[in-house]
Protein backbone atom coordinates (compact mmCIF):
# COMPACT_ATOMS: atom_id res chain seq x y z
CA MET A 1 0.00 0.00 0.00
CA SER A 2 1.37 3.42 -0.94
CA VAL A 3 2.07 6.12 1.63
CA ARG A 4 -0.67 8.27 0.10
CA ALA A 5 -3.26 5.50 0.36
CA LEU A 6 -2.19 4.71 3.92
CA ALA A 7 -2.47 8.38 4.88
CA GLY A 8 -6.00 8.42 3.46
CA TRP A 9 -7.06 5.39 5.48
CA VAL A 10 -5.54 6.76 8.69
CA GLY A 11 -6.42 10.42 8.22
CA LEU A 12 -10.20 10.06 7.87
CA PRO A 13 -10.76 7.93 11.00
CA THR A 14 -8.46 10.28 12.95
CA LEU A 15 -10.48 13.28 11.80
CA LEU A 16 -13.77 11.59 12.73
CA LEU A 17 -12.39 10.63 16.14
CA ALA A 18 -11.22 14.19 16.81
CA TRP A 19 -14.60 15.54 15.67
CA TRP A 20 -16.45 13.11 17.97
CA LEU A 21 -14.26 13.98 20.96
CA VAL A 22 -14.54 17.76 20.54
CA ALA A 23 -18.31 17.58 19.90
CA GLY A 24 -18.73 15.41 22.99
CA LEU A 25 -16.75 17.81 25.15
CA LEU A 26 -18.61 20.89 23.93
CA ASP A 27 -22.03 19.19 24.01
CA SER A 28 -23.51 21.94 21.84
CA ALA A 29 -25.98 21.95 18.95
CA LEU A 30 -23.54 24.24 17.14
CA LEU A 31 -21.16 21.27 16.73
CA PRO A 32 -23.17 18.04 16.47
CA THR A 33 -21.44 14.68 16.71
CA PRO A 34 -20.67 12.66 13.56
CA GLY A 35 -23.49 10.31 14.56
CA ALA A 36 -26.03 13.15 14.64
CA VAL A 37 -24.87 14.43 11.25
CA PHE A 38 -25.02 11.00 9.62
CA ASP A 39 -28.45 10.42 11.15
CA THR A 40 -29.63 13.71 9.57
CA LEU A 41 -28.09 12.60 6.28
CA TRP A 42 -29.86 9.24 6.47
CA GLN A 43 -33.23 10.84 7.20
CA ALA A 44 -32.81 13.27 4.29
CA GLN A 45 -32.03 10.49 1.83
CA ARG A 46 -34.82 8.31 3.20
CA THR A 47 -37.42 11.00 2.53
CA GLY A 48 -35.92 11.72 -0.91
CA GLU A 49 -35.09 15.36 -0.13
CA LEU A 50 -31.35 14.75 -0.34
CA TRP A 51 -31.52 13.12 -3.78
CA HIS A 52 -33.84 15.81 -5.13
CA HIS A 53 -31.67 18.73 -4.08
CA LEU A 54 -28.43 16.94 -5.00
CA GLY A 55 -29.85 16.19 -8.44
CA VAL A 56 -30.88 19.80 -9.02
CA THR A 57 -27.47 21.12 -7.99
CA LEU A 58 -25.62 18.51 -10.06
CA ARG A 59 -27.69 19.43 -13.11
CA ARG A 60 -26.66 23.08 -12.74
CA VAL A 61 -23.04 22.07 -12.17
CA VAL A 62 -22.95 19.86 -15.28
CA ILE A 63 -24.60 22.45 -17.56
CA SER A 64 -22.42 25.30 -16.27
CA PHE A 65 -19.26 23.20 -16.37
CA PHE A 66 -19.61 22.05 -19.98
CA LEU A 67 -20.67 25.48 -21.23
CA ALA A 68 -17.72 27.12 -19.46
CA MET A 69 -15.26 24.49 -20.72
CA ALA A 70 -16.49 24.82 -24.30
CA LEU A 71 -16.48 28.62 -24.39
CA GLY A 72 -13.24 28.92 -22.43
CA THR A 73 -11.47 26.41 -24.70
CA LEU A 74 -12.53 28.23 -27.87
CA LEU A 75 -11.50 31.57 -26.39
CA GLY A 76 -8.19 30.21 -25.12
CA VAL A 77 -7.21 28.58 -28.43
CA TRP A 78 -8.14 31.73 -30.34
CA MET A 79 -6.10 33.96 -28.04
CA GLY A 80 -3.20 31.54 -28.01
CA ARG A 81 -3.03 31.31 -31.80
CA SER A 82 -3.83 34.92 -32.67
CA ARG A 83 -1.71 37.79 -31.39
CA LEU A 84 -4.40 40.31 -32.36
CA ALA A 85 -7.12 38.44 -30.47
CA ASP A 86 -4.84 38.14 -27.45
CA ASP A 87 -4.06 41.88 -27.41
CA LEU A 88 -7.74 42.80 -27.78
CA LEU A 89 -9.23 40.33 -25.30
CA ASP A 90 -6.53 40.14 -22.62
CA PRO A 91 -7.74 43.27 -20.72
CA LEU A 92 -11.28 41.87 -20.65
CA LEU A 93 -9.96 38.52 -19.45
CA VAL A 94 -8.01 40.16 -16.63
CA ALA A 95 -11.07 42.18 -15.61
CA LEU A 96 -13.27 39.08 -15.47
CA LEU A 97 -10.63 37.15 -13.51
CA ASN A 98 -10.66 39.87 -10.84
CA LEU A 99 -14.44 40.34 -10.79
CA PRO A 100 -15.87 38.74 -7.62
CA ALA A 101 -18.35 35.94 -8.28
CA LEU A 102 -20.81 37.51 -5.84
CA VAL A 103 -20.95 40.71 -7.91
CA THR A 104 -21.63 38.76 -11.11
CA ILE A 105 -24.40 36.73 -9.49
CA ILE A 106 -26.15 39.78 -8.00
CA LEU A 107 -25.94 41.77 -11.24
CA LEU A 108 -27.38 38.97 -13.36
CA TYR A 109 -30.22 38.39 -10.90
CA VAL A 110 -30.97 42.13 -10.92
CA TRP A 111 -30.84 42.38 -14.73
CA PHE A 112 -32.64 39.13 -15.65
CA GLY A 113 -34.54 38.19 -12.51
CA LEU A 114 -34.32 35.11 -10.31
CA ILE A 115 -34.46 32.66 -13.21
CA GLU A 116 -32.50 29.52 -14.03
CA ALA A 117 -30.76 31.05 -17.04
CA ALA A 118 -29.34 33.88 -14.92
CA ALA A 119 -28.07 31.38 -12.35
CA VAL A 120 -26.27 29.25 -14.95
CA LEU A 121 -24.91 32.27 -16.82
CA ALA A 122 -23.42 33.68 -13.61
CA VAL A 123 -21.48 30.45 -13.05
CA VAL A 124 -20.31 30.30 -16.67
CA ILE A 125 -19.06 33.90 -16.68
CA ASN A 126 -17.01 33.23 -13.55
CA LYS A 127 -15.46 30.03 -14.91
CA VAL A 128 -14.72 30.90 -18.57
CA PRO A 129 -11.73 33.20 -17.83
CA ASN A 130 -9.95 30.49 -15.83
CA VAL A 131 -10.35 27.95 -18.63
CA ALA A 132 -9.29 30.48 -21.27
CA VAL A 133 -6.08 31.39 -19.40
CA MET A 134 -4.99 27.75 -19.02
CA VAL A 135 -5.86 26.76 -22.58
CA ARG A 136 -4.19 29.89 -23.98
CA GLU A 137 -0.89 28.78 -22.46
CA GLY A 138 -1.32 25.38 -24.06
CA ALA A 139 -2.13 26.88 -27.45
CA ARG A 140 0.98 29.07 -27.23
CA SER A 141 3.19 26.05 -26.57
CA LEU A 142 1.99 23.87 -29.47
CA ASP A 143 4.96 22.09 -31.08
CA VAL A 144 5.96 23.81 -34.32
CA ARG A 145 7.43 20.57 -35.68
CA LEU A 146 4.09 18.82 -35.38
CA GLU A 147 2.47 21.74 -37.19
CA GLN A 148 5.02 21.38 -39.99
CA MET A 149 4.33 17.66 -40.18
CA ALA A 150 0.60 18.38 -40.47
CA ASP A 151 1.34 20.83 -43.31
CA ILE A 152 3.48 18.27 -45.15
CA TYR A 153 0.78 15.61 -44.94
CA ARG A 154 -1.87 18.20 -45.79
CA PHE A 155 -3.98 17.67 -42.73
CA GLY A 156 -7.36 19.34 -42.88
CA ARG A 157 -8.56 21.44 -39.96
CA GLY A 158 -10.47 18.49 -38.48
CA ARG A 159 -7.52 16.05 -38.58
CA ARG A 160 -5.18 18.75 -37.32
CA LEU A 161 -7.49 19.37 -34.36
CA VAL A 162 -7.84 15.67 -33.45
CA HIS A 163 -4.29 14.44 -34.08
CA VAL A 164 -2.11 17.52 -33.45
CA TRP A 165 -3.82 20.06 -31.20
CA LEU A 166 -5.98 18.02 -28.81
CA PRO A 167 -3.22 15.62 -27.64
CA GLN A 168 -1.00 18.60 -26.78
CA LEU A 169 -3.82 20.60 -25.20
CA ALA A 170 -5.13 17.65 -23.18
CA PRO A 171 -3.01 18.29 -20.04
CA TYR A 172 -4.11 21.95 -20.00
CA LEU A 173 -7.74 20.96 -20.55
CA MET A 174 -7.58 18.43 -17.72
CA ALA A 175 -6.03 21.00 -15.38
CA ALA A 176 -8.80 23.43 -16.27
CA ALA A 177 -11.43 20.74 -15.78
CA ARG A 178 -10.16 19.65 -12.37
CA SER A 179 -9.82 23.16 -11.00
CA GLY A 180 -13.04 24.14 -12.73
CA LEU A 181 -15.13 21.44 -11.10
CA ALA A 182 -14.16 22.64 -7.63
CA LEU A 183 -14.82 26.26 -8.58
CA VAL A 184 -18.12 25.64 -10.38
CA TRP A 185 -19.83 23.72 -7.61
CA LYS A 186 -18.87 26.36 -5.04
CA ILE A 187 -20.30 29.14 -7.20
CA VAL A 188 -23.43 27.08 -7.89
CA LEU A 189 -24.04 26.83 -4.14
CA VAL A 190 -23.81 30.63 -3.81
CA VAL A 191 -26.14 31.06 -6.79
CA GLU A 192 -28.68 28.75 -5.17
CA LEU A 193 -28.32 30.40 -1.78
CA LEU A 194 -29.03 33.86 -3.20
CA GLY A 195 -31.79 33.22 -5.68
CA ARG A 196 -33.07 29.68 -6.18
CA SER A 197 -35.77 27.71 -4.39
CA ASP A 198 -34.10 24.31 -4.63
CA GLY A 199 -30.66 22.73 -4.62
CA VAL A 200 -28.02 22.14 -1.97
CA GLY A 201 -27.28 25.86 -1.64
CA PHE A 202 -30.96 26.57 -0.94
CA GLN A 203 -31.01 23.85 1.74
CA LEU A 204 -27.89 25.31 3.35
CA HIS A 205 -29.58 28.72 3.41
CA MET A 206 -32.71 27.31 5.05
CA ALA A 207 -30.63 25.43 7.64
CA PHE A 208 -28.59 28.56 8.37
CA GLN A 209 -31.72 30.54 9.17
CA VAL A 210 -32.54 28.16 12.05
CA PHE A 211 -28.89 27.40 12.98
CA ASP A 212 -29.34 23.74 12.01
CA VAL A 213 -25.65 22.82 11.86
CA ALA A 214 -26.36 19.10 11.48
CA THR A 215 -28.23 19.71 8.22
CA ILE A 216 -25.53 22.11 6.98
CA LEU A 217 -22.84 19.50 7.58
CA ALA A 218 -24.95 16.65 6.20
CA TYR A 219 -25.63 18.31 2.84
CA SER A 220 -22.05 19.59 2.63
CA LEU A 221 -20.61 16.11 3.23
CA ALA A 222 -22.99 14.56 0.69
CA PHE A 223 -21.98 16.95 -2.05
CA ILE A 224 -18.27 16.71 -1.22
CA ALA A 225 -18.60 12.94 -1.54
CA VAL A 226 -20.21 13.30 -4.98
CA VAL A 227 -17.50 15.68 -6.20
CA GLN A 228 -14.76 13.37 -4.92
CA LEU A 229 -16.43 10.44 -6.69
CA VAL A 230 -16.41 12.36 -9.97
CA GLU A 231 -12.76 13.27 -9.39
CA GLN A 232 -11.67 9.69 -8.74
CA VAL A 233 -13.86 7.86 -11.24
CA VAL A 234 -13.90 10.31 -14.17
CA LEU A 235 -11.29 13.07 -14.06
CA ARG A 236 -8.22 11.20 -12.81
CA PRO A 237 -8.54 8.31 -15.31
CA LEU A 238 -9.07 10.86 -18.11
CA GLU A 239 -5.98 12.77 -16.99
CA ARG A 240 -3.84 9.61 -17.04
CA ARG A 241 -5.17 8.69 -20.46
CA SER A 242 -4.61 12.19 -21.86
CA SER A 243 -0.93 12.17 -20.86
CA ARG A 244 -0.26 8.64 -22.13
CA TRP A 245 1.00 9.87 -25.51
CA ARG A 246 3.77 11.81 -23.75
CA ARG A 247 4.95 8.76 -21.83
CA VAL A 248 4.95 6.66 -24.99
CA GLY A 249 7.30 9.11 -26.66
CA GLU A 250 9.74 9.26 -23.76
CA PRO A 251 12.99 7.29 -24.10
CA HIS A 252 13.36 4.25 -21.87
CA HIS A 253 16.47 4.06 -19.73
CA ALA A 254 18.05 0.80 -18.74
């Protein structure tokens, strides 16, 4: 067993034990025991509330994530391959990177109302600049020799994209995807807290109003578990696969 895996197996029980001990010593509703939180979680899933709100939030995360990745990738490749586009759009990109997510969410709700489209658009606007910056760096570092090879063999734009650009951009895309997933779900929770009537963020807001810490922790743990599952089952295998072509090309040493 690797050191990292061993640390994972030891770290979680240690954290739970410390949580249980501190909660027992304080004996306060503001820090419920792990048992109380898991009981709240069980009751929420038994009634179906947990699955409903998790499903709503995940739908918003998925829609926002793929829209932001698509738009950010197009923008990043364009800026990375065109000096004019980079000069024109870089100030806007910097402004959006420094614009607080809360400001974007409030403005879109004020301009368009408390509707689903405004909620998703707010998340997309906050994520696109991050994707564009990462992909732009990848587009700038595309191997000139591979471009020359594509010219010699007269690759069309489609073949050039699939066989030359995407393999080189894959590590940058995966980095953007992994950081983006963490960012998107956090912004989605704020969006739901401020202006939606369902979702995990809405449930956290309702629990906050009555200081129901057990419910806050239960929904937070449930969604963290889902995000970690996506990370381990989807993103990490994709990342390993996307970098395989680099390992194949590396020389083997005796």
